[in-house]
Amino acid sequence: MDTIDILKKICEAPYEHTFDSPTLKVIEEMMLPLSEKTETDALGNLICSVKSEGENHIVLSAHMDKIGMVITGIDEKTGMLRFGKSGGIDMRTLAAARVRVIGKKMVCGCVTSTPPHLSRGSRNTAPTADDLYIDCGLSYDEIKSIVSVGDRAEYLSPVCELLGGKLTGAYMDNSAGCTAVIRACELLKVHGAKNRITAVFTTREEIGKGGALAAFTRLQPDMALITDVSFGSAPGIPKESSSPLSSGAMICFSPILQKEVSLMLTDVAEKNGIAYTVEVMGARTATDSDVAVNAGKGTKTGLVSVPLLNMHTPVETLDIKDVEAVAAVLFNASRGE
């Protein structure tokens, strides 16, 4: 499949913390022809055996869960929905966003916002979840027959192609990482590998990383290569903690990661002519890498990321060439040739 098509399908699939999540099903459908076996564990992680035998066991992993909202109540007068955050929603961009609510059926809605004419006292303050509601256009009696407390809501912002190979929309985090893993597995299927390869698409990264902890405790691979997004360069973002879009894969060096793995990844990129930049973090990475490296007996772990603008908003933006660069690093680093 075309890389953009893969990314769009994953971004635009609804996500639920269930075993039949549409996002999981979309990824599983793509991985079935690339895998000897696929399964879903108790936490909803999708585990795909790409090659069941080999010299070393290498896991390629990306989280498939998405930030969102959880419905906490229904206003009896208006039928509007109260909600809380599920993961790191950026409250500065939530007011006036379009959303979809996943109840007994999918319903569209919009997040309420105070008109600027009436918000003089708070125009410089980001609203909290307590200040906002989701309006689906239905009365209390109508909406309560469809939506219940505990149901999920998420951004409704389809992927839009910009100029120069850039794309924008909701849930590039971490559909971009999932796309890179799938593309790497396509390359492994075509070109083969000496190593045993497993692809893992984890849950719960945005709410504590429990999915990765369960998966890596169980699998105990010889090496884990985690893929996520990181900060793209833009006005107001420190240069030392970001990389420009279109600069390739971001290879992380951090005290929590084994330096030999990070050096191996940069060496692979240089030998194969893959564009990359180095990302340095002083402690933890805030990705699944932090639990993969410590799970069970411990795992040699590397982190390769896609530079992303506007993280955790409905208009996350990336360059598709960077996704392909990450896929190329994963492919060459995992195959053992």
Protein backbone atom coordinates (compact mmCIF):
# COMPACT_ATOMS: atom_id res chain seq x y z
CA MET A 1 0.00 0.00 0.00
CA ASP A 2 0.98 3.61 -0.45
CA THR A 3 2.42 5.11 2.74
CA ILE A 4 -0.07 8.00 2.73
CA ASP A 5 -2.99 5.58 2.36
CA ILE A 6 -1.79 3.53 5.32
CA LEU A 7 -1.42 6.63 7.46
CA LYS A 8 -4.84 8.01 6.53
CA LYS A 9 -6.63 4.76 7.30
CA ILE A 10 -5.07 4.47 10.75
CA CYS A 11 -5.54 8.16 11.61
CA GLU A 12 -9.20 8.21 10.62
CA ALA A 13 -10.24 4.91 12.25
CA PRO A 14 -12.03 5.44 15.60
CA TYR A 15 -10.17 4.17 18.65
CA GLU A 16 -11.70 2.39 21.63
CA HIS A 17 -10.13 0.59 24.59
CA THR A 18 -11.73 -2.66 23.41
CA PHE A 19 -10.65 -5.83 21.62
CA ASP A 20 -12.64 -4.84 18.54
CA SER A 21 -11.35 -1.27 18.28
CA PRO A 22 -11.65 -0.07 14.67
CA THR A 23 -8.05 1.17 14.82
CA LEU A 24 -6.86 -2.30 15.86
CA LYS A 25 -8.91 -3.93 13.12
CA VAL A 26 -7.50 -1.62 10.44
CA ILE A 27 -3.92 -2.37 11.50
CA GLU A 28 -4.57 -6.09 11.83
CA GLU A 29 -6.03 -6.21 8.31
CA MET A 30 -2.85 -4.65 6.96
CA MET A 31 -0.60 -6.96 8.99
CA LEU A 32 -2.34 -10.26 8.17
CA PRO A 33 -0.60 -10.75 4.78
CA LEU A 34 2.73 -9.77 6.39
CA SER A 35 2.53 -12.11 9.39
CA GLU A 36 2.68 -15.80 10.13
CA LYS A 37 0.33 -15.23 13.05
CA THR A 38 -1.50 -12.35 14.75
CA GLU A 39 -3.09 -12.25 18.19
CA THR A 40 -4.52 -9.80 20.70
CA ASP A 41 -3.48 -10.11 24.35
CA ALA A 42 -5.42 -9.33 27.53
CA LEU A 43 -4.73 -5.57 27.30
CA GLY A 44 -5.63 -5.32 23.62
CA ASN A 45 -2.06 -5.18 22.25
CA LEU A 46 -1.85 -6.50 18.69
CA ILE A 47 1.09 -8.92 18.45
CA CYS A 48 2.16 -10.04 14.97
CA SER A 49 4.72 -12.75 14.32
CA VAL A 50 6.32 -11.53 11.09
CA LYS A 51 9.08 -14.17 11.13
CA SER A 52 8.97 -16.84 13.83
CA GLU A 53 12.56 -18.09 13.58
CA GLY A 54 15.93 -16.39 13.42
CA GLU A 55 19.22 -15.58 15.09
CA ASN A 56 17.90 -12.87 17.45
CA HIS A 57 14.41 -11.82 18.43
CA ILE A 58 13.73 -8.21 17.38
CA VAL A 59 10.49 -6.42 18.21
CA LEU A 60 9.30 -3.43 16.18
CA SER A 61 6.71 -1.52 18.19
CA ALA A 62 4.46 1.53 18.04
CA HIS A 63 1.51 2.49 20.20
CA MET A 64 -1.87 2.57 18.46
CA ASP A 65 -3.93 4.22 21.21
CA LYS A 66 -5.06 7.80 20.78
CA ILE A 67 -5.79 10.69 23.08
CA GLY A 68 -9.45 11.55 23.53
CA MET A 69 -12.22 12.32 25.98
CA VAL A 70 -14.47 10.23 28.20
CA ILE A 71 -18.11 11.19 28.76
CA THR A 72 -18.74 11.90 32.45
CA GLY A 73 -22.33 13.19 32.41
CA ILE A 74 -25.28 14.56 30.41
CA ASP A 75 -26.83 17.93 31.16
CA GLU A 76 -30.57 17.36 31.67
CA LYS A 77 -31.59 20.81 30.41
CA THR A 78 -29.61 20.97 27.18
CA GLY A 79 -28.56 17.39 26.38
CA MET A 80 -24.96 18.55 26.19
CA LEU A 81 -22.26 16.13 27.30
CA ARG A 82 -19.77 16.69 30.11
CA PHE A 83 -16.39 15.05 29.60
CA GLY A 84 -12.95 14.46 31.05
CA LYS A 85 -9.59 14.06 29.34
CA SER A 86 -8.22 10.67 28.27
CA GLY A 87 -4.54 11.31 27.68
CA GLY A 88 -2.84 14.62 27.00
CA ILE A 89 -5.49 16.63 25.15
CA ASP A 90 -4.30 20.22 24.63
CA MET A 91 -7.08 22.25 26.25
CA ARG A 92 -5.93 25.40 24.41
CA THR A 93 -7.14 23.89 21.13
CA LEU A 94 -10.16 21.92 22.29
CA ALA A 95 -12.79 24.67 22.47
CA ALA A 96 -14.73 24.75 19.16
CA ALA A 97 -13.23 21.45 17.96
CA ARG A 98 -15.32 18.98 16.00
CA VAL A 99 -15.57 15.59 17.67
CA ARG A 100 -17.24 12.22 17.31
CA VAL A 101 -18.81 10.40 20.23
CA ILE A 102 -18.65 6.60 20.18
CA GLY A 103 -21.88 5.49 21.83
CA LYS A 104 -24.38 2.89 20.68
CA LYS A 105 -23.74 4.50 17.33
CA MET A 106 -21.30 7.17 16.17
CA VAL A 107 -22.58 10.73 16.52
CA CYS A 108 -20.87 13.96 15.54
CA GLY A 109 -20.61 16.90 17.88
CA CYS A 110 -18.78 20.11 18.57
CA VAL A 111 -17.13 21.38 21.73
CA THR A 112 -18.76 24.50 23.10
CA SER A 113 -16.85 27.76 23.24
CA THR A 114 -17.56 31.18 24.72
CA PRO A 115 -17.86 33.87 22.03
CA PRO A 116 -14.99 36.38 22.21
CA HIS A 117 -17.55 39.14 22.83
CA LEU A 118 -18.36 37.52 26.20
CA SER A 119 -14.97 36.12 27.27
CA ARG A 120 -13.08 39.27 28.21
CA GLY A 121 -12.27 38.01 31.68
CA SER A 122 -10.82 34.73 30.44
CA ARG A 123 -9.59 35.35 26.91
CA ASN A 124 -5.96 34.72 27.97
CA THR A 125 -6.75 31.59 29.97
CA ALA A 126 -7.19 28.12 28.49
CA PRO A 127 -10.52 26.54 29.49
CA THR A 128 -10.64 23.37 31.56
CA ALA A 129 -12.80 20.33 30.84
CA ASP A 130 -15.20 21.63 33.52
CA ASP A 131 -15.80 24.75 31.39
CA LEU A 132 -16.73 22.91 28.20
CA TYR A 133 -19.44 20.62 26.87
CA ILE A 134 -19.94 18.53 23.74
CA ASP A 135 -23.07 19.48 21.77
CA CYS A 136 -24.43 16.76 19.48
CA GLY A 137 -27.58 18.72 18.62
CA LEU A 138 -29.91 16.36 20.52
CA SER A 139 -32.15 16.78 23.54
CA TYR A 140 -31.46 15.02 26.83
CA ASP A 141 -33.91 12.21 26.08
CA GLU A 142 -32.54 11.76 22.56
CA ILE A 143 -28.85 11.73 23.47
CA LYS A 144 -29.17 9.48 26.54
CA SER A 145 -30.59 6.73 24.33
CA ILE A 146 -27.33 6.78 22.32
CA VAL A 147 -24.56 7.95 24.65
CA SER A 148 -23.75 6.72 28.17
CA VAL A 149 -21.34 7.81 30.86
CA GLY A 150 -17.98 6.16 30.12
CA ASP A 151 -18.30 6.35 26.33
CA ARG A 152 -15.37 7.80 24.37
CA ALA A 153 -15.17 10.94 22.27
CA GLU A 154 -12.34 12.00 20.00
CA TYR A 155 -11.31 14.62 17.48
CA LEU A 156 -13.08 14.54 14.12
CA SER A 157 -10.35 15.95 11.88
CA PRO A 158 -9.62 13.92 8.71
CA VAL A 159 -6.18 13.93 7.17
CA CYS A 160 -5.61 16.74 4.67
CA GLU A 161 -2.70 16.83 2.25
CA LEU A 162 -0.70 20.06 2.28
CA LEU A 163 1.94 21.09 -0.24
CA GLY A 164 5.43 19.60 -0.31
CA GLY A 165 4.48 16.13 0.95
CA LYS A 166 3.11 17.42 4.26
CA LEU A 167 -0.07 16.09 5.82
CA THR A 168 -2.18 17.46 8.65
CA GLY A 169 -4.99 16.05 10.77
CA ALA A 170 -5.75 14.37 14.07
CA TYR A 171 -3.96 11.31 15.42
CA MET A 172 -0.68 11.39 13.53
CA ASP A 173 0.45 10.49 17.07
CA ASN A 174 0.96 7.65 16.79
CA SER A 175 -0.53 6.55 13.49
CA ALA A 176 2.77 7.69 11.99
CA GLY A 177 4.70 5.19 14.13
CA CYS A 178 2.25 2.40 13.28
CA THR A 179 2.60 3.25 9.60
CA ALA A 180 6.41 3.08 9.81
CA VAL A 181 6.26 -0.35 11.46
CA ILE A 182 3.86 -1.66 8.79
CA ARG A 183 6.05 -0.32 5.99
CA ALA A 184 9.13 -1.89 7.59
CA CYS A 185 7.30 -5.23 7.76
CA GLU A 186 6.39 -4.94 4.09
CA LEU A 187 10.08 -4.51 3.28
CA LEU A 188 11.01 -7.45 5.51
CA LYS A 189 8.42 -9.59 3.74
CA VAL A 190 9.95 -8.78 0.36
CA HIS A 191 13.66 -8.84 1.25
CA GLY A 192 13.74 -11.32 4.14
CA ALA A 193 15.64 -11.25 7.42
CA LYS A 194 18.04 -13.40 9.42
CA ASN A 195 16.38 -12.42 12.71
CA ARG A 196 13.11 -13.41 14.28
CA ILE A 197 10.78 -10.41 13.88
CA THR A 198 7.68 -9.51 15.90
CA ALA A 199 5.61 -6.38 15.37
CA VAL A 200 3.69 -5.06 18.37
CA PHE A 201 1.03 -2.34 18.31
CA THR A 202 0.47 -1.35 21.91
CA THR A 203 -2.38 0.16 23.92
CA ARG A 204 -2.39 2.55 26.88
CA GLU A 205 0.74 4.53 25.98
CA GLU A 206 -1.13 7.80 26.42
CA ILE A 207 -2.46 6.76 29.84
CA GLY A 208 0.53 5.14 31.54
CA LYS A 209 2.19 2.73 29.07
CA GLY A 210 0.66 -0.41 30.59
CA GLY A 211 0.25 -2.07 27.20
CA ALA A 212 3.98 -2.00 26.47
CA LEU A 213 4.80 -3.20 29.98
CA ALA A 214 2.60 -6.28 29.52
CA ALA A 215 3.80 -7.00 25.98
CA PHE A 216 7.53 -6.70 26.63
CA THR A 217 7.35 -8.58 29.93
CA ARG A 218 5.81 -11.42 27.98
CA LEU A 219 7.95 -11.33 24.82
CA GLN A 220 11.40 -10.68 26.34
CA PRO A 221 13.06 -9.94 22.98
CA ASP A 222 16.78 -9.49 22.40
CA MET A 223 16.14 -5.95 21.17
CA ALA A 224 13.20 -3.56 20.93
CA LEU A 225 12.95 -0.77 18.38
CA ILE A 226 10.22 1.64 19.46
CA THR A 227 8.69 4.16 17.07
CA ASP A 228 6.76 7.26 18.09
CA VAL A 229 6.55 10.94 17.19
CA SER A 230 8.64 13.77 18.61
CA PHE A 231 8.80 17.54 18.34
CA GLY A 232 9.18 19.19 14.95
CA SER A 233 10.93 22.54 14.68
CA ALA A 234 8.77 25.66 14.59
CA PRO A 235 8.81 29.20 15.99
CA GLY A 236 8.75 29.06 19.78
CA ILE A 237 10.08 25.49 20.01
CA PRO A 238 13.68 25.15 21.28
CA LYS A 239 16.08 24.03 18.53
CA GLU A 240 17.91 21.68 20.88
CA SER A 241 14.76 19.62 21.53
CA SER A 242 13.31 19.46 18.04
CA SER A 243 14.09 18.53 14.44
CA PRO A 244 12.79 20.16 11.25
CA LEU A 245 10.11 18.41 9.24
CA SER A 246 11.63 16.74 6.14
CA SER A 247 14.91 16.02 8.00
CA GLY A 248 14.32 12.26 8.25
CA ALA A 249 14.19 9.93 11.24
CA MET A 250 14.93 11.22 14.76
CA ILE A 251 17.26 8.78 16.55
CA CYS A 252 17.21 9.20 20.29
CA PHE A 253 20.11 9.19 22.76
CA SER A 254 18.97 9.08 26.38
CA PRO A 255 20.35 7.69 29.66
CA ILE A 256 17.42 5.28 29.86
CA LEU A 257 18.33 3.76 26.47
CA GLN A 258 21.41 1.66 25.73
CA LYS A 259 23.86 3.87 23.86
CA GLU A 260 25.10 0.93 21.79
CA VAL A 261 21.62 0.57 20.27
CA SER A 262 21.37 4.29 19.47
CA LEU A 263 24.83 4.19 17.86
CA MET A 264 23.81 1.12 15.88
CA LEU A 265 20.77 2.99 14.56
CA THR A 266 22.79 6.01 13.44
CA ASP A 267 25.32 3.68 11.81
CA VAL A 268 22.51 1.90 9.94
CA ALA A 269 21.13 5.22 8.72
CA GLU A 270 24.53 6.41 7.49
CA LYS A 271 25.43 3.15 5.75
CA ASN A 272 22.08 3.06 3.93
CA GLY A 273 21.87 6.74 3.06
CA ILE A 274 18.81 7.36 5.23
CA ALA A 275 18.22 10.94 6.35
CA TYR A 276 18.25 11.32 10.14
CA THR A 277 18.86 13.70 13.02
CA VAL A 278 19.95 13.00 16.58
CA GLU A 279 17.54 13.67 19.43
CA VAL A 280 19.01 13.94 22.94
CA MET A 281 16.95 13.57 26.12
CA GLY A 282 18.33 13.97 29.62
CA ALA A 283 16.23 11.31 31.33
CA ARG A 284 13.14 9.39 30.29
CA THR A 285 11.71 9.62 26.78
CA ALA A 286 7.98 9.69 27.68
CA THR A 287 7.41 6.83 25.21
CA ASP A 288 6.94 3.06 25.44
CA SER A 289 10.75 2.83 25.43
CA ASP A 290 10.76 3.72 29.12
CA VAL A 291 8.93 0.53 30.10
CA ALA A 292 10.25 -1.76 27.34
CA VAL A 293 13.83 -1.25 28.50
CA ASN A 294 12.95 -2.29 32.07
CA ALA A 295 10.39 -5.03 31.46
CA GLY A 296 11.19 -8.49 32.81
CA LYS A 297 14.90 -9.23 32.49
CA GLY A 298 15.38 -5.93 30.63
CA THR A 299 15.61 -5.28 26.90
CA LYS A 300 18.12 -3.46 24.73
CA THR A 301 15.97 -0.66 23.39
CA GLY A 302 16.21 2.02 20.72
CA LEU A 303 13.82 4.85 19.88
CA VAL A 304 13.27 6.19 16.36
CA SER A 305 10.74 9.00 15.94
CA VAL A 306 8.91 11.03 13.31
CA PRO A 307 9.16 14.84 13.73
CA LEU A 308 5.68 16.26 14.28
CA LEU A 309 4.18 19.73 14.60
CA ASN A 310 1.15 20.66 16.73
CA MET A 311 1.28 17.51 18.87
CA HIS A 312 -1.94 16.45 20.64
CA THR A 313 -4.11 18.81 18.59
CA PRO A 314 -6.56 18.22 15.69
CA VAL A 315 -3.97 19.55 13.22
CA GLU A 316 -0.87 17.46 13.86
CA THR A 317 1.43 17.91 10.87
CA LEU A 318 4.26 15.83 9.40
CA ASP A 319 6.18 15.05 6.23
CA ILE A 320 5.45 11.61 4.80
CA LYS A 321 9.11 11.28 3.77
CA ASP A 322 10.07 11.27 7.46
CA VAL A 323 7.71 8.35 8.08
CA GLU A 324 9.37 6.47 5.23
CA ALA A 325 12.82 7.28 6.64
CA VAL A 326 11.82 5.78 10.00
CA ALA A 327 10.51 2.67 8.22
CA ALA A 328 13.82 2.32 6.37
CA VAL A 329 15.80 2.54 9.62
CA LEU A 330 13.58 -0.10 11.27
CA PHE A 331 13.89 -2.41 8.27
CA ASN A 332 17.65 -2.22 7.98
CA ALA A 333 18.29 -2.34 11.72
CA SER A 334 16.08 -5.38 12.36
CA ARG A 335 16.81 -7.75 9.51
CA GLY A 336 20.32 -8.77 10.62
CA GLU A 337 21.88 -8.80 7.17
